Protein backbone atom coordinates (compact mmCIF):
# COMPACT_ATOMS: atom_id res chain seq x y z
CA MET A 1 0.00 0.00 0.00
CA ARG A 2 2.80 2.42 0.87
CA ARG A 3 4.57 1.59 -2.37
CA GLU A 4 1.42 2.36 -4.37
CA ILE A 5 1.00 5.68 -2.56
CA LYS A 6 4.64 6.50 -3.25
CA ASN A 7 4.19 5.68 -6.93
CA LEU A 8 1.09 7.87 -7.10
CA ARG A 9 2.97 10.76 -5.52
CA GLN A 10 5.79 10.37 -8.01
CA GLN A 11 3.32 10.32 -10.90
CA ILE A 12 1.58 13.44 -9.57
CA ASP A 13 4.91 15.23 -9.14
CA GLY A 14 5.90 14.24 -12.66
CA SER A 15 2.58 15.48 -14.04
CA ILE A 16 2.99 18.80 -12.22
CA ARG A 17 6.50 19.25 -13.60
CA ALA A 18 5.32 18.40 -17.11
CA HIS A 19 2.42 20.84 -16.76
CA LYS A 20 4.73 23.63 -15.63
CA LYS A 21 7.10 22.89 -18.49
CA GLN A 22 4.23 23.05 -20.98
CA LEU A 23 3.06 26.36 -19.54
CA SER A 24 6.54 27.84 -19.76
CA SER A 25 6.84 26.52 -23.31
CA LEU A 26 3.53 28.12 -24.27
CA GLN A 27 4.57 31.41 -22.68
CA SER A 28 7.84 31.42 -24.57
CA MET A 29 6.01 30.59 -27.81
CA LEU A 30 3.56 33.44 -27.25
CA THR A 31 6.43 35.81 -26.50
CA ASP A 32 8.23 34.73 -29.67
CA CYS A 33 5.02 35.17 -31.69
CA MET A 34 4.55 38.68 -30.35
CA LYS A 35 8.14 39.56 -31.16
CA HIS A 36 7.74 38.00 -34.60
CA ASP A 37 4.58 40.06 -35.26
CA ASP A 38 6.39 43.22 -34.19
CA ARG A 39 9.21 42.46 -36.61
CA LEU A 40 6.76 41.79 -39.45
CA GLN A 41 4.94 45.05 -38.74
CA SER A 42 8.19 46.98 -38.77
CA VAL A 43 9.18 45.30 -42.00
CA SER A 44 5.80 46.00 -43.63
CA LYS A 45 6.04 49.65 -42.65
CA SER A 46 9.37 50.02 -44.44
CA PRO A 47 9.30 48.00 -47.70
CA SER A 48 12.86 48.96 -48.51
CA GLN A 49 14.04 47.06 -45.44
CA SER A 50 11.93 43.92 -46.03
CA HIS A 51 14.84 42.02 -47.54
CA GLY A 52 17.03 42.85 -44.56
CA GLY A 53 14.29 41.79 -42.16
CA ILE A 54 13.96 38.39 -43.85
CA ASN A 55 17.70 37.90 -43.78
CA GLN A 56 17.71 38.71 -40.06
CA LEU A 57 15.06 36.08 -39.40
CA LEU A 58 17.01 33.52 -41.39
CA GLU A 59 20.22 34.28 -39.53
CA GLN A 60 18.40 33.81 -36.24
CA GLY A 61 17.04 30.45 -37.42
CA ARG A 62 13.42 31.57 -37.09
CA ILE A 63 11.71 30.42 -40.24
CA GLN A 64 8.18 29.32 -40.99
CA THR A 65 8.16 25.86 -42.56
CA VAL A 66 5.65 24.87 -45.22
CA PRO A 67 5.03 21.17 -45.95
CA ILE A 68 5.80 20.22 -49.54
CA GLY A 69 3.38 17.31 -49.29
CA TYR A 70 1.67 14.77 -47.07
CA VAL A 71 2.39 11.04 -46.97
CA SER A 72 -0.15 8.40 -47.93
CA SER A 73 1.05 5.27 -46.13
CA CYS A 74 0.05 1.70 -45.38
CA PHE A 75 0.36 2.64 -41.69
CA ALA A 76 -2.66 4.58 -40.48
CA VAL A 77 -1.72 5.03 -36.80
CA LYS A 78 1.43 5.03 -34.66
CA THR A 79 0.68 1.67 -33.07
CA GLY A 80 2.45 -1.05 -35.03
CA THR A 81 4.38 1.34 -37.26
CA PRO A 82 8.07 0.30 -37.55
CA ARG A 83 10.48 2.45 -35.60
CA GLN A 84 13.12 2.19 -38.34
CA PRO A 85 12.72 1.87 -42.14
CA THR A 86 14.78 -1.33 -42.52
CA ILE A 87 12.51 -3.25 -40.14
CA CYS A 88 9.77 -3.53 -42.76
CA SER A 89 11.22 -3.26 -46.26
CA SER A 90 7.93 -4.29 -47.89
CA SER A 91 5.97 -1.32 -46.52
CA GLN A 92 4.57 1.02 -49.17
CA ALA A 93 3.75 4.72 -49.27
CA SER A 94 3.41 7.64 -51.66
CA LEU A 95 4.12 11.35 -51.49
CA LYS A 96 2.42 13.91 -53.69
CA ILE A 97 4.03 17.33 -54.02
CA GLU A 98 1.55 20.07 -53.15
CA PRO A 99 0.63 22.35 -56.06
CA SER A 100 0.73 25.30 -53.66
CA VAL A 101 4.52 24.90 -53.37
CA PHE A 102 5.27 24.88 -57.11
CA ASN A 103 3.12 25.87 -60.06
CA ASN A 104 4.38 22.73 -61.81
CA PRO A 105 5.15 20.21 -59.03
CA GLU A 106 6.35 17.56 -61.49
CA HIS A 107 9.16 19.87 -62.61
CA SER A 108 10.70 19.72 -59.14
CA LEU A 109 11.14 15.94 -59.47
CA VAL A 110 12.97 15.94 -62.81
CA GLY A 111 16.19 13.94 -62.42
CA LEU A 112 15.20 12.34 -59.13
CA GLU A 113 14.37 9.09 -60.95
CA GLN A 114 18.10 8.51 -61.33
CA TYR A 115 18.39 7.74 -57.60
CA SER A 116 17.30 4.57 -55.84
CA HIS A 117 16.82 6.07 -52.34
CA ILE A 118 15.87 9.46 -50.92
CA TRP A 119 16.10 11.19 -47.56
CA ILE A 120 12.77 12.41 -46.18
CA ILE A 121 12.67 15.22 -43.63
CA PHE A 122 9.29 15.25 -41.91
CA LEU A 123 7.42 16.44 -38.83
CA PHE A 124 6.36 14.20 -35.93
CA HIS A 125 2.80 15.49 -36.04
CA LYS A 126 1.33 12.83 -33.73
CA ASN A 127 3.47 13.42 -30.65
CA GLY A 128 0.40 14.65 -28.81
CA GLN A 129 2.36 17.19 -26.77
CA MET A 130 5.21 19.65 -27.11
CA SER A 131 7.06 18.57 -23.96
CA TYR A 132 10.44 16.82 -24.16
CA LYS A 133 13.14 15.61 -21.81
CA ALA A 134 16.93 15.55 -21.91
CA LYS A 135 16.93 11.80 -21.25
CA VAL A 136 14.62 9.24 -22.81
CA LYS A 137 14.01 5.48 -22.64
CA PRO A 138 14.41 3.84 -26.06
CA PRO A 139 12.25 0.70 -26.33
CA ARG A 140 15.24 -1.39 -27.43
CA LEU A 141 17.06 -0.47 -24.20
CA ASN A 142 14.17 -1.87 -22.16
CA GLY A 143 13.86 1.10 -19.81
CA GLN A 144 17.45 2.36 -19.60
CA ARG A 145 17.86 6.12 -19.94
CA VAL A 146 20.15 7.82 -22.45
CA GLY A 147 20.40 11.34 -23.84
CA VAL A 148 17.73 12.29 -26.34
CA TYR A 149 20.34 13.29 -28.93
CA SER A 150 21.87 9.81 -28.83
CA THR A 151 18.51 8.35 -29.93
CA ARG A 152 15.92 8.83 -32.64
CA SER A 153 13.12 9.60 -30.24
CA PRO A 154 10.28 11.66 -31.76
CA HIS A 155 10.00 13.76 -28.58
CA ARG A 156 12.63 16.43 -29.27
CA PRO A 157 12.90 20.22 -28.92
CA ASN A 158 12.20 20.44 -32.65
CA ALA A 159 9.99 17.50 -33.61
CA LEU A 160 11.78 16.79 -36.88
CA GLY A 161 12.26 13.30 -38.28
CA LEU A 162 14.67 11.94 -40.88
CA THR A 163 14.23 8.64 -42.69
CA LEU A 164 15.64 6.87 -45.71
CA ALA A 165 13.15 5.40 -48.19
CA LYS A 166 13.51 3.47 -51.41
CA LEU A 167 12.22 5.30 -54.46
CA GLU A 168 10.24 2.79 -56.51
CA ARG A 169 9.04 5.12 -59.25
CA ILE A 170 7.78 8.64 -60.02
CA THR A 171 4.49 9.33 -61.75
CA GLY A 172 3.94 13.01 -62.47
CA ASP A 173 4.02 14.85 -59.15
CA THR A 174 3.86 11.70 -56.98
CA LEU A 175 6.69 9.63 -55.52
CA HIS A 176 6.05 5.95 -54.82
CA LEU A 177 8.14 4.68 -51.91
CA SER A 178 8.90 1.45 -50.06
CA GLY A 179 10.65 0.57 -46.82
CA VAL A 180 9.04 3.48 -44.96
CA ASP A 181 8.39 4.01 -41.25
CA ILE A 182 6.01 6.97 -41.61
CA ILE A 183 2.29 7.03 -40.87
CA ALA A 184 -0.40 8.42 -43.16
CA GLY A 185 -0.85 12.18 -43.09
CA THR A 186 2.73 12.96 -42.06
CA PRO A 187 3.80 16.46 -43.23
CA VAL A 188 6.99 16.30 -45.29
CA LEU A 189 9.23 19.36 -45.17
CA ASP A 190 11.89 18.35 -47.68
CA ILE A 191 13.32 15.46 -49.70
CA LYS A 192 16.91 14.95 -50.84
CA PRO A 193 18.58 12.24 -52.93
CA TYR A 194 20.65 9.67 -51.06
CA ILE A 195 24.20 9.69 -52.47
CA PRO A 196 26.46 7.00 -50.96
CA ASP A 197 29.58 8.85 -52.10
CA TYR A 198 28.66 11.67 -49.72
CA ASP A 199 26.29 10.12 -47.18
CA SER A 200 28.09 6.85 -46.39
CA PRO A 201 31.27 7.09 -44.26
CA LYS A 202 32.73 4.06 -46.05
CA THR A 203 32.90 5.88 -49.36
CA ARG A 204 34.35 9.11 -48.00
CA THR A 205 38.00 9.88 -48.67
CA ASP A 206 40.33 11.43 -46.14
CA ASP A 207 43.92 12.60 -45.86
CA THR A 208 45.14 9.12 -44.98
CA SER A 209 44.32 7.93 -48.48
CA SER A 210 46.70 10.49 -49.99
CA GLU A 211 49.34 9.46 -47.48
CA TYR A 212 48.87 5.89 -48.56
CA LYS A 213 49.30 6.85 -52.22
CA GLN A 214 52.66 8.43 -51.52
CA THR A 215 54.15 5.76 -49.26
CA SER A 216 52.74 2.49 -50.62
CA SER A 217 55.12 0.41 -52.71
CA PHE A 218 52.20 -1.17 -54.54
CA THR A 219 51.09 2.09 -56.12
CA ASP A 220 54.41 3.41 -57.33
CA PRO A 221 53.71 3.21 -61.08
CA MET A 222 49.99 3.93 -60.87
CA ASP A 223 47.48 5.50 -58.47
CA LEU A 224 45.08 2.90 -57.14
CA ASP A 225 42.51 5.39 -55.83
CA GLU A 226 42.40 7.62 -58.89
CA GLU A 227 42.79 5.04 -61.66
CA PRO A 228 41.12 1.82 -60.48
CA ASP A 229 40.16 0.85 -64.03
CA THR A 230 43.72 0.90 -65.36
CA LEU A 231 45.13 -1.84 -63.14
CA GLU A 232 45.97 -5.36 -64.21
CA THR A 233 47.52 -8.26 -62.33
CA SER A 234 49.95 -10.49 -64.16
CA SER A 235 48.72 -13.95 -65.13
CA GLU A 236 52.16 -15.45 -64.51
CA PRO A 237 52.80 -16.87 -61.02
CA SER A 238 54.96 -14.56 -58.98
CA SER A 239 55.67 -13.83 -55.33
CA GLU A 240 55.38 -10.10 -55.92
CA LEU A 241 52.39 -8.04 -56.92
CA SER A 242 53.05 -6.26 -60.20
CA VAL A 243 50.99 -3.38 -61.51
CA CYS A 244 51.21 -2.09 -65.03
CA PRO A 245 49.19 0.55 -66.90
CA ALA A 246 46.72 -0.44 -69.59
CA ALA A 247 43.81 0.99 -71.46
CA ALA A 248 40.39 0.91 -69.85
CA SER A 249 38.95 -0.93 -72.84
CA ASP A 250 41.24 -3.93 -72.23
CA PHE A 251 39.39 -5.04 -69.14
CA SER A 252 36.10 -6.74 -68.49
CA SER A 253 33.74 -5.70 -65.73
CA SER A 254 34.84 -8.64 -63.59
CA GLU A 255 38.48 -7.59 -63.80
CA ARG A 256 37.55 -4.04 -62.82
CA SER A 257 35.59 -5.25 -59.81
CA GLY A 258 38.50 -7.45 -58.81
CA SER A 259 40.84 -4.48 -59.01
CA SER A 260 38.48 -2.47 -56.83
CA GLU A 261 38.35 -5.28 -54.28
CA VAL A 262 42.17 -5.42 -54.18
CA THR A 263 42.22 -1.67 -53.60
CA ASP A 264 39.78 -1.98 -50.70
CA VAL A 265 41.75 -4.82 -49.12
CA LEU A 266 45.03 -2.93 -49.39
CA GLU A 267 43.43 0.16 -47.86
CA GLU A 268 42.11 -1.85 -44.92
CA VAL A 269 45.48 -3.54 -44.36
CA LYS A 270 47.16 -0.13 -44.43
CA ASN A 271 44.75 1.27 -41.84
CA TYR A 272 45.19 -1.75 -39.59
CA LEU A 273 49.01 -1.63 -39.77
CA ARG A 274 49.02 2.12 -39.21
CA GLN A 275 46.98 1.70 -36.04
CA GLN A 276 49.29 -1.09 -34.86
CA GLN A 277 52.24 1.26 -35.21
CA LEU A 278 50.47 3.95 -33.24
CA PHE A 279 49.19 1.55 -30.58
CA PRO A 280 51.70 -1.29 -29.95
CA GLU A 281 50.60 -4.63 -28.55
CA ASN A 282 52.71 -4.34 -25.37
CA PRO A 283 52.75 -0.70 -24.37
CA ASP A 284 54.39 -1.48 -21.03
CA GLU A 285 57.71 -2.23 -22.77
CA ASP A 286 57.95 1.33 -24.10
CA LYS A 287 56.88 2.99 -20.87
CA ASN A 288 59.26 5.59 -19.53
CA THR A 289 60.83 4.27 -16.32
CA ASP A 290 61.30 7.80 -15.00
CA THR A 291 57.56 8.38 -14.81
CA PRO A 292 56.44 8.18 -11.19
CA GLU A 293 53.79 5.68 -10.22
CA GLY A 294 50.25 6.88 -9.81
CA THR A 295 50.51 9.47 -12.60
CA SER A 296 48.40 8.98 -15.69
CA VAL A 297 49.14 10.02 -19.20
CA GLY A 298 46.39 11.88 -21.02
CA THR A 299 46.48 9.67 -24.11
CA SER A 300 47.08 6.11 -22.95
CA PRO A 301 47.97 3.54 -25.62
CA LEU A 302 45.20 1.30 -26.84
CA LYS A 303 45.29 -2.47 -26.89
CA SER A 304 44.84 -4.58 -30.00
CA SER A 305 41.18 -5.04 -29.09
CA SER A 306 40.69 -1.31 -29.73
CA LEU A 307 41.97 -1.54 -33.30
CA ARG A 308 39.38 -1.19 -36.03
CA PHE A 309 39.56 -2.35 -39.60
CA GLY A 310 37.18 -2.99 -42.49
CA HIS A 311 33.76 -1.41 -42.13
CA GLU A 312 34.45 -0.55 -38.48
CA ASP A 313 37.25 1.78 -39.56
CA TYR A 314 34.77 4.15 -41.22
CA SER A 315 32.14 4.68 -38.52
CA THR A 316 31.15 3.60 -35.03
CA ILE A 317 27.77 3.26 -33.34
CA ALA A 318 26.52 2.56 -29.85
CA ALA A 319 26.85 -1.10 -28.90
CA TRP A 320 23.20 -1.44 -27.88
CA VAL A 321 22.02 -0.72 -31.43
CA ARG A 322 23.35 -4.06 -32.69
CA ALA A 323 23.22 -5.93 -29.39
CA PRO A 324 20.20 -4.58 -27.44
CA PRO A 325 19.14 -6.08 -24.11
CA ILE A 326 16.01 -7.41 -25.82
CA SER A 327 16.09 -10.03 -28.58
CA ASN A 328 14.00 -10.40 -31.73
CA LEU A 329 10.81 -12.41 -31.46
CA ASP A 330 9.63 -15.41 -33.43
CA VAL A 331 6.49 -14.64 -35.40
CA ARG A 332 3.81 -17.19 -36.22
CA PHE A 333 0.24 -17.24 -37.50
CA THR A 334 -2.71 -19.30 -36.46
CA ALA A 335 -4.44 -21.32 -39.17
CA ASN A 336 -7.44 -19.01 -38.98
CA ALA A 337 -5.25 -15.88 -39.36
CA GLU A 338 -3.51 -17.34 -42.42
CA LYS A 339 -6.88 -18.13 -43.98
CA GLU A 340 -8.18 -14.62 -43.31
CA LEU A 341 -5.05 -13.00 -44.71
CA LYS A 342 -5.27 -14.99 -47.94
CA GLU A 343 -8.67 -13.43 -48.57
CA PHE A 344 -7.04 -10.06 -49.29
CA LEU A 345 -6.43 -9.22 -52.94
CA PRO A 346 -3.82 -6.98 -54.64
CA PRO A 347 -4.73 -3.31 -55.25
CA ASP A 348 -5.32 -3.83 -58.99
CA SER A 349 -7.88 -6.60 -58.49
CA THR A 350 -11.36 -6.05 -59.91
CA ASP A 351 -13.11 -8.44 -57.52
CA SER A 352 -15.33 -6.35 -55.26
CA THR A 353 -16.56 -9.23 -53.11
CA ARG A 354 -13.27 -9.68 -51.22
CA PRO A 355 -11.11 -7.18 -49.33
CA LYS A 356 -8.07 -5.83 -51.12
CA PHE A 357 -4.95 -3.96 -50.16
CA GLN A 358 -4.32 -0.37 -51.11
CA PHE A 359 -0.50 -0.40 -51.00
CA LEU A 360 0.74 -3.96 -50.47
CA LYS A 361 0.91 -6.21 -53.53
CA GLY A 362 -0.68 -9.25 -51.90
CA PRO A 363 -0.81 -11.59 -48.90
CA ASP A 364 2.83 -12.66 -49.28
CA GLU A 365 4.06 -9.08 -48.96
CA ALA A 366 1.71 -8.57 -46.01
CA VAL A 367 3.18 -11.63 -44.26
CA ALA A 368 6.70 -10.24 -44.75
CA ALA A 369 5.62 -6.87 -43.37
CA ILE A 370 3.94 -8.44 -40.32
CA HIS A 371 7.04 -10.53 -39.65
CA GLY A 372 9.24 -7.43 -39.74
CA ILE A 373 6.96 -5.41 -37.46
CA LEU A 374 6.35 -8.05 -34.80
CA SER A 375 9.85 -9.53 -34.71
CA ALA A 376 11.17 -6.11 -33.60
CA ASP A 377 8.54 -6.00 -30.80
CA PRO A 378 6.58 -2.77 -31.42
CA ARG A 379 5.30 -2.59 -27.84
CA SER A 380 6.37 0.17 -25.47
CA VAL A 381 8.51 -0.62 -22.45
CA TYR A 382 5.48 -0.21 -20.19
CA ARG A 383 3.35 -2.66 -22.16
CA ARG A 384 6.26 -5.07 -22.35
CA THR A 385 7.23 -5.06 -18.66
CA ARG A 386 4.21 -3.96 -16.61
CA CYS A 387 1.03 -4.52 -18.58
CA GLN A 388 -0.63 -7.88 -18.00
CA ASP A 389 -2.70 -7.66 -21.18
CA ARG A 390 -0.65 -9.41 -23.88
CA LEU A 391 -3.06 -8.66 -26.72
CA PHE A 392 -1.83 -6.17 -29.30
CA PHE A 393 -3.74 -4.49 -32.12
CA PHE A 394 -2.36 -2.60 -35.11
CA THR A 395 -3.33 -1.67 -38.65
CA LEU A 396 -1.39 -2.59 -41.78
CA ASP A 397 -2.73 -1.11 -45.00
CA THR A 398 -6.40 -2.12 -45.06
CA ALA A 399 -6.09 -4.94 -42.50
CA ASP A 400 -6.76 -4.79 -38.77
CA ILE A 401 -4.43 -7.27 -37.10
CA THR A 402 -4.81 -8.85 -33.68
CA CYS A 403 -1.93 -10.71 -32.06
CA TRP A 404 -0.66 -11.70 -28.66
CA PHE A 405 2.83 -11.88 -27.20
CA GLY A 406 4.31 -14.83 -25.34
CA ASP A 407 7.79 -15.58 -24.06
CA GLY A 408 10.01 -14.97 -27.08
CA PHE A 409 7.28 -15.03 -29.71
CA ALA A 410 4.35 -13.13 -31.19
CA GLU A 411 1.35 -14.90 -32.70
CA VAL A 412 -1.17 -13.40 -35.11
CA VAL A 413 -4.65 -14.66 -34.26
CA ARG A 414 -6.94 -12.55 -36.44
CA VAL A 415 -6.80 -10.46 -39.64
CA LYS A 416 -9.90 -8.44 -40.53
CA PRO A 417 -10.57 -5.67 -43.06
CA VAL A 418 -10.61 -2.18 -41.58
CA GLN A 419 -13.94 -0.42 -41.29
CA SER A 420 -14.86 1.95 -44.10
CA SER A 421 -14.65 4.92 -41.71
CA GLU A 422 -11.03 4.07 -40.96
CA LEU A 423 -9.96 3.92 -44.60
CA THR A 424 -9.86 7.71 -44.79
CA ASN A 425 -6.95 7.72 -42.33
CA ILE A 426 -4.84 5.59 -44.66
CA VAL A 427 -5.24 7.74 -47.76
């Protein structure tokens, strides 16, 4: 009884703090709006200074965003929507550019069809509140707290989201996407093409590559990084690697790919050896004997376990992202759920007697999407650890799905078409 009273007091105190924070946030927003109106009035009174006033607002970072379009997605609500795009690669969505942004919206998409993926900058419009905290509890950490900026939590000072989606095709002013984690109706602020040469750390070049070009004995006659297509390995057996120039037309695509692989391997070996030279295996042997005990050096040598090579040499991430304290779940279907799911038809079907999907191509794609969603455990930490009700409901495209969670598994027990009133949320 005392513990329950203590918990209630803590909840009340937390609610009071959140209420005060919301009030202060509203007051600051009202103050900013009043200041903004004063600036606009002063600018309107002096047209010659309007350009300077706009520049001042831009320099202060106070801009008014206008959505370029709204997403139509197979996810109607937050519940059951993947938290990351790679969790459900079969998910489908579309984005239509608003005609109010451009007179000819299709002109803004010219050339974008040359890219396979795009970045989408959007607004978390379903947060439900403007409050945020410096520390949050990511679901994959099972209740552990970390800083909000080390996560992708939607509750942030500026509720902006960033996701990577596959661009399937473009028809006029509409983009057709897959592998999305965005719900229907999400306001999109901007889109940008994904360019691995710039966006992926593995493909970025640094000063160490130029150092390698100058010191490597393998690249004396030719430059591996700048001329990968003009390399050829001798067909005669030899203990040394020989490199000789040749015309690009003398090689097949397989030989070029092999040359690129050799270049990557040599670069990784160089990075590994360079780190070994900087951080020897037995640092105690090189320690200065004159250094008194108990003193610490600011940059202590690293052990061989700290060396990175291959993909790890280009970027690092938090360990819990790849090895979270919770594991993926096994997903299974009851016989009745499988039968109900097979009743759904593809979007282009003309049969009006059976339910059909609006985005997904058929039951097989729906099964893959359900597997991806449930295996990642879409429940919140509270529902996972404290809630006794193990039933879980979510919507995928035009299907209402009911499942329950057991120890290490999730089982789909029912798949029903959504009600006609709910279909408007998906479009």
